[in-house]
Amino acid sequence: MYTVLVILCCIISSCVREDIPDCPALQVTLTVKDKNYFNVDEIDLEHRADENLAFKDYVPTIYYVLRRVDNDEIVEKIGGVMKLSTDMKQIPISFCPCIPHGKYVLTVWGGLNDETPLGDDPTTLNLHIEHNEGRDIYMSTDTLVYDAWNNNKTIELERVKGKLLVKVEKLPSAISYSAKKIDNVYGTINSSFEYSEKTYVETQYHWGDEQEILTGTVLSPSLNNSKSNISLNVAKDEQFVNYEELIKSLPIEMKRNELTVLKVIYDGEFGQHKIYLFVDGQWHLTHDMGLE
């Protein structure tokens, strides 16, 4: 009799997928970890974001894929990039109750416009397609143990790129176009937060008759144990027929979720300027080969 009672108690207190259809479904709650750049308070050129905004104000879209740990089989993935409209500060995800108990890996991408940067592999992302800046991307990957006692987990999304700020002051009125190139940055990132491949990024910018401009470019980190190099040209026309080489090749370091800041100040007319790099909380006069 005692043995029978013990067996009955075990059956009642357990959640058996085959016998009880209303077992709690696997749920995940998404939050944003990197709401501001690490060094945003050191630099007055970047506004500090409010830490209590809605999730979508930091990360406007999400895309996710759930895989089995043992064989990497995709169990569930979202049907395209989801644009968020809710004002919730956390985003809940509920998976199909049909998913069997087990161990899974969830990868979440944030900030994508569409699935193009993922190509055929939802666990690897192209950071700079065709050498373009691309989007401010977030990502998180976590291992989930799903059973009767574990069915809800919170995951934090982290920013995968840094940001380059370039300010030009006292611009001659004739100049209204700029083009810059940043080389030696990573081209891809996988779901394990591992960067790989080498690429470069090119951008162009046009303005009116302003004498001060500030451009921001989101960039993947510089390759390990090396620096990136920035070149910057300005011109009077879109074809860059009459242009000036403001920066030929200046070493800079791009880091994940950090700001890298340059300032160019004209000292007279076309052809005369000084370059400053913000390092360790101070502006340093520099030149194409590095700090003076």
Protein backbone atom coordinates (compact mmCIF):
# COMPACT_ATOMS: atom_id res chain seq x y z
CA MET A 1 0.00 0.00 0.00
CA TYR A 2 2.84 2.35 0.88
CA THR A 3 4.51 1.73 -2.49
CA VAL A 4 1.29 2.51 -4.36
CA LEU A 5 0.90 5.84 -2.50
CA VAL A 6 4.44 6.90 -3.34
CA ILE A 7 3.90 6.16 -7.03
CA LEU A 8 0.63 8.13 -7.07
CA CYS A 9 2.27 11.12 -5.39
CA CYS A 10 5.06 11.16 -7.98
CA ILE A 11 2.55 11.09 -10.84
CA ILE A 12 0.47 13.93 -9.40
CA SER A 13 3.42 16.22 -8.57
CA SER A 14 5.27 15.76 -11.87
CA CYS A 15 4.58 17.44 -15.18
CA VAL A 16 4.71 14.67 -17.76
CA ARG A 17 4.58 16.00 -21.35
CA GLU A 18 2.90 12.88 -22.72
CA ASP A 19 0.14 12.75 -20.11
CA ILE A 20 -0.65 16.36 -19.21
CA PRO A 21 -1.40 18.68 -22.16
CA ASP A 22 -1.34 21.91 -20.15
CA CYS A 23 2.32 21.84 -19.04
CA PRO A 24 3.73 25.40 -18.99
CA ALA A 25 5.18 26.39 -22.37
CA LEU A 26 8.77 27.56 -22.62
CA GLN A 27 8.92 31.33 -22.13
CA VAL A 28 11.75 33.84 -22.41
CA THR A 29 11.79 37.50 -21.41
CA LEU A 30 14.05 39.82 -23.41
CA THR A 31 15.69 42.89 -21.87
CA VAL A 32 18.27 45.39 -23.14
CA LYS A 33 21.65 45.44 -21.41
CA ASP A 34 23.50 48.09 -23.43
CA LYS A 35 21.21 51.10 -23.35
CA ASN A 36 24.15 53.50 -23.56
CA TYR A 37 27.71 53.31 -24.78
CA PHE A 38 30.19 52.48 -22.03
CA ASN A 39 31.98 55.84 -22.30
CA VAL A 40 28.99 58.05 -23.16
CA ASP A 41 29.44 60.19 -20.02
CA GLU A 42 32.97 61.18 -21.08
CA ILE A 43 31.86 62.66 -24.39
CA ASP A 44 29.49 65.60 -24.84
CA LEU A 45 28.92 64.85 -28.52
CA GLU A 46 26.68 61.86 -27.78
CA HIS A 47 23.44 62.16 -25.82
CA ARG A 48 22.92 59.76 -22.91
CA ALA A 49 19.70 57.83 -23.42
CA ASP A 50 17.12 57.52 -20.65
CA GLU A 51 17.56 54.11 -19.02
CA ASN A 52 13.79 53.62 -18.55
CA LEU A 53 12.50 53.81 -22.10
CA ALA A 54 10.51 51.13 -23.90
CA PHE A 55 12.43 48.16 -25.33
CA LYS A 56 11.71 49.36 -28.90
CA ASP A 57 13.40 52.70 -28.25
CA TYR A 58 16.72 50.86 -27.91
CA VAL A 59 16.06 47.83 -30.09
CA PRO A 60 13.26 48.39 -32.65
CA THR A 61 13.10 44.85 -34.07
CA ILE A 62 13.81 41.27 -33.03
CA TYR A 63 14.52 37.98 -34.79
CA TYR A 64 15.14 34.69 -33.00
CA VAL A 65 15.88 31.02 -33.59
CA LEU A 66 15.65 28.12 -31.10
CA ARG A 67 17.92 25.09 -31.65
CA ARG A 68 18.47 21.75 -29.95
CA VAL A 69 21.77 21.48 -28.10
CA ASP A 70 22.47 17.87 -29.06
CA ASN A 71 22.13 18.11 -32.86
CA ASP A 72 21.75 21.85 -33.66
CA GLU A 73 18.33 21.19 -35.20
CA ILE A 74 16.14 24.30 -35.51
CA VAL A 75 13.06 23.71 -33.38
CA GLU A 76 11.38 27.08 -33.81
CA LYS A 77 12.19 30.43 -35.40
CA ILE A 78 10.26 33.60 -35.96
CA GLY A 79 8.75 34.04 -39.41
CA GLY A 80 10.72 37.13 -40.37
CA VAL A 81 11.99 40.18 -38.50
CA MET A 82 9.40 41.48 -36.04
CA LYS A 83 8.99 45.26 -35.75
CA LEU A 84 8.06 46.16 -32.19
CA SER A 85 5.25 48.61 -31.46
CA THR A 86 4.55 47.93 -27.78
CA ASP A 87 5.74 50.30 -25.05
CA MET A 88 6.76 47.40 -22.83
CA LYS A 89 10.24 47.60 -21.31
CA GLN A 90 10.63 43.83 -21.58
CA ILE A 91 9.55 41.60 -24.45
CA PRO A 92 8.07 38.16 -23.62
CA ILE A 93 8.43 35.26 -26.05
CA SER A 94 6.27 32.14 -25.68
CA PHE A 95 7.24 29.05 -27.64
CA CYS A 96 4.96 26.32 -28.92
CA PRO A 97 3.67 24.05 -26.12
CA CYS A 98 4.42 21.17 -28.48
CA ILE A 99 8.17 21.55 -27.92
CA PRO A 100 9.41 18.55 -25.87
CA HIS A 101 11.36 19.01 -22.69
CA GLY A 102 15.09 19.18 -23.25
CA LYS A 103 18.08 21.47 -23.64
CA TYR A 104 18.01 24.25 -26.22
CA VAL A 105 20.05 27.22 -27.48
CA LEU A 106 18.20 30.48 -28.17
CA THR A 107 19.79 33.14 -30.37
CA VAL A 108 18.13 36.56 -30.57
CA TRP A 109 19.14 39.33 -32.99
CA GLY A 110 17.93 42.89 -32.41
CA GLY A 111 17.84 45.90 -34.71
CA LEU A 112 17.74 44.09 -38.06
CA ASN A 113 15.85 45.64 -40.97
CA ASP A 114 15.32 42.25 -42.57
CA GLU A 115 16.96 38.81 -42.71
CA THR A 116 19.47 39.72 -45.44
CA PRO A 117 22.51 40.04 -43.10
CA LEU A 118 21.86 36.48 -41.86
CA GLY A 119 21.85 34.87 -45.29
CA ASP A 120 21.22 31.12 -45.08
CA ASP A 121 22.56 30.80 -41.52
CA PRO A 122 20.48 32.45 -38.76
CA THR A 123 23.37 32.07 -36.31
CA THR A 124 25.90 34.19 -38.24
CA LEU A 125 25.48 37.83 -39.24
CA ASN A 126 27.19 39.97 -41.90
CA LEU A 127 28.00 43.21 -40.08
CA HIS A 128 28.77 45.40 -43.09
CA ILE A 129 27.10 44.19 -46.28
CA GLU A 130 28.80 45.59 -49.39
CA HIS A 131 31.01 47.69 -47.10
CA ASN A 132 28.07 49.73 -45.84
CA GLU A 133 27.62 50.90 -42.28
CA GLY A 134 24.55 48.75 -41.64
CA ARG A 135 22.36 48.84 -38.57
CA ASP A 136 23.03 49.16 -34.83
CA ILE A 137 22.74 45.44 -34.04
CA TYR A 138 22.09 43.69 -30.73
CA MET A 139 22.46 39.99 -29.97
CA SER A 140 22.19 37.39 -27.23
CA THR A 141 22.59 33.63 -27.09
CA ASP A 142 21.72 31.49 -24.09
CA THR A 143 21.29 27.81 -23.25
CA LEU A 144 17.83 26.93 -21.93
CA VAL A 145 16.96 23.90 -19.86
CA TYR A 146 13.25 23.20 -20.36
CA ASP A 147 11.40 20.84 -18.05
CA ALA A 148 8.58 20.86 -15.49
CA TRP A 149 10.61 23.04 -13.13
CA ASN A 150 12.40 25.27 -15.65
CA ASN A 151 10.28 27.05 -18.23
CA ASN A 152 10.99 30.78 -17.92
CA LYS A 153 14.24 32.70 -18.33
CA THR A 154 15.35 36.32 -18.79
CA ILE A 155 17.93 37.14 -21.47
CA GLU A 156 19.81 40.43 -21.96
CA LEU A 157 20.63 41.75 -25.44
CA GLU A 158 24.04 43.34 -25.97
CA ARG A 159 25.18 45.76 -28.67
CA VAL A 160 27.65 44.22 -31.14
CA LYS A 161 29.09 47.39 -32.73
CA GLY A 162 30.73 50.58 -31.57
CA LYS A 163 30.22 54.09 -32.94
CA LEU A 164 32.62 56.50 -34.63
CA LEU A 165 31.87 60.21 -34.18
CA VAL A 166 33.62 62.73 -36.44
CA LYS A 167 33.07 66.45 -35.89
CA VAL A 168 34.35 69.08 -38.30
CA GLU A 169 34.37 72.72 -37.17
CA LYS A 170 34.84 76.08 -38.94
CA LEU A 171 34.12 74.58 -42.33
CA PRO A 172 34.70 76.77 -45.38
CA SER A 173 31.30 77.54 -46.85
CA ALA A 174 32.15 75.97 -50.20
CA ILE A 175 32.55 72.47 -48.72
CA SER A 176 29.38 70.36 -48.47
CA TYR A 177 30.41 66.73 -49.15
CA SER A 178 32.50 64.22 -47.21
CA ALA A 179 33.61 60.64 -47.78
CA LYS A 180 35.38 58.42 -45.29
CA LYS A 181 36.77 54.90 -45.23
CA ILE A 182 37.52 52.79 -42.17
CA ASP A 183 39.48 49.58 -42.70
CA ASN A 184 40.55 46.60 -40.58
CA VAL A 185 37.20 46.01 -38.87
CA TYR A 186 35.43 42.68 -38.41
CA GLY A 187 32.97 41.58 -41.08
CA THR A 188 30.91 38.89 -39.31
CA ILE A 189 29.77 37.77 -35.88
CA ASN A 190 28.28 34.44 -34.84
CA SER A 191 25.84 33.41 -32.13
CA SER A 192 28.73 32.72 -29.72
CA PHE A 193 29.68 36.43 -29.92
CA GLU A 194 32.79 35.54 -31.92
CA TYR A 195 33.92 38.07 -34.53
CA SER A 196 35.65 36.97 -37.72
CA GLU A 197 36.72 38.02 -41.23
CA LYS A 198 38.19 41.36 -42.19
CA THR A 199 36.42 44.16 -44.03
CA TYR A 200 36.24 47.91 -44.50
CA VAL A 201 33.39 50.44 -44.46
CA GLU A 202 32.81 53.46 -46.70
CA THR A 203 30.35 56.29 -46.06
CA GLN A 204 29.38 59.55 -47.76
CA TYR A 205 27.64 62.55 -46.27
CA HIS A 206 26.16 65.75 -47.69
CA TRP A 207 25.10 68.91 -45.88
CA GLY A 208 24.06 72.47 -46.64
CA ASP A 209 25.92 75.62 -45.65
CA GLU A 210 26.61 74.58 -42.04
CA GLN A 211 30.02 75.42 -40.63
CA GLU A 212 29.92 72.53 -38.16
CA ILE A 213 28.95 68.94 -38.92
CA LEU A 214 28.85 65.82 -36.79
CA THR A 215 28.64 62.37 -38.37
CA GLY A 216 28.08 59.09 -36.55
CA THR A 217 28.91 55.67 -38.02
CA VAL A 218 28.20 52.35 -36.30
CA LEU A 219 31.14 50.01 -36.86
CA SER A 220 32.20 46.56 -35.79
CA PRO A 221 35.31 46.33 -33.58
CA SER A 222 38.84 46.59 -34.92
CA LEU A 223 40.61 43.29 -35.45
CA ASN A 224 42.33 41.84 -32.36
CA ASN A 225 45.79 43.20 -31.58
CA SER A 226 45.57 45.84 -34.30
CA LYS A 227 43.90 49.14 -35.10
CA SER A 228 41.67 50.38 -37.85
CA ASN A 229 42.64 53.27 -40.11
CA ILE A 230 40.36 56.12 -41.12
CA SER A 231 40.72 58.28 -44.21
CA LEU A 232 38.53 61.36 -44.71
CA ASN A 233 38.05 63.53 -47.77
CA VAL A 234 35.87 66.62 -48.16
CA ALA A 235 34.78 68.25 -51.38
CA LYS A 236 32.86 71.10 -52.96
CA ASP A 237 30.98 68.80 -55.34
CA GLU A 238 29.38 65.38 -55.30
CA GLN A 239 31.82 63.99 -57.87
CA PHE A 240 34.79 64.95 -55.62
CA VAL A 241 36.53 66.62 -58.56
CA ASN A 242 37.82 69.35 -56.29
CA TYR A 243 38.48 67.69 -52.94
CA GLU A 244 40.76 67.91 -49.91
CA GLU A 245 42.31 64.98 -48.08
CA LEU A 246 41.57 65.87 -44.45
CA ILE A 247 42.86 62.58 -43.07
CA LYS A 248 45.06 60.31 -45.17
CA SER A 249 45.38 57.37 -42.76
CA LEU A 250 44.86 57.80 -39.03
CA PRO A 251 44.99 54.78 -36.65
CA ILE A 252 41.91 54.47 -34.45
CA GLU A 253 40.53 51.68 -32.30
CA MET A 254 36.90 50.59 -32.56
CA LYS A 255 35.42 48.63 -29.66
CA ARG A 256 32.07 47.01 -28.98
CA ASN A 257 29.60 49.43 -27.36
CA GLU A 258 32.17 52.24 -27.15
CA LEU A 259 32.44 55.64 -28.77
CA THR A 260 35.53 56.59 -30.79
CA VAL A 261 35.72 60.34 -31.38
CA LEU A 262 37.62 62.57 -33.80
CA LYS A 263 37.51 66.34 -34.27
CA VAL A 264 38.81 68.31 -37.25
CA ILE A 265 39.08 72.10 -36.87
CA TYR A 266 39.80 74.33 -39.84
CA ASP A 267 42.43 76.97 -39.20
CA GLY A 268 41.80 79.24 -42.12
CA GLU A 269 40.61 78.30 -45.57
CA PHE A 270 40.67 75.19 -47.72
CA GLY A 271 43.80 73.14 -46.95
CA GLN A 272 44.50 74.28 -43.37
CA HIS A 273 43.20 72.23 -40.43
CA LYS A 274 44.10 70.40 -37.22
CA ILE A 275 43.04 66.90 -36.13
CA TYR A 276 42.20 65.89 -32.56
CA LEU A 277 41.54 62.41 -31.18
CA PHE A 278 39.67 61.89 -27.91
CA VAL A 279 41.70 59.41 -25.80
CA ASP A 280 41.54 58.67 -22.06
CA GLY A 281 39.13 61.51 -21.40
CA GLN A 282 41.14 64.20 -23.19
CA TRP A 283 41.54 65.72 -26.66
CA HIS A 284 44.96 65.07 -28.19
CA LEU A 285 46.38 66.87 -31.21
CA THR A 286 47.25 64.23 -33.77
CA HIS A 287 48.22 63.67 -37.38
CA ASP A 288 47.84 60.91 -39.95
CA MET A 289 50.43 58.67 -38.31
CA GLY A 290 48.99 58.89 -34.78
CA LEU A 291 49.15 61.00 -31.61
CA GLU A 292 51.75 63.69 -31.24
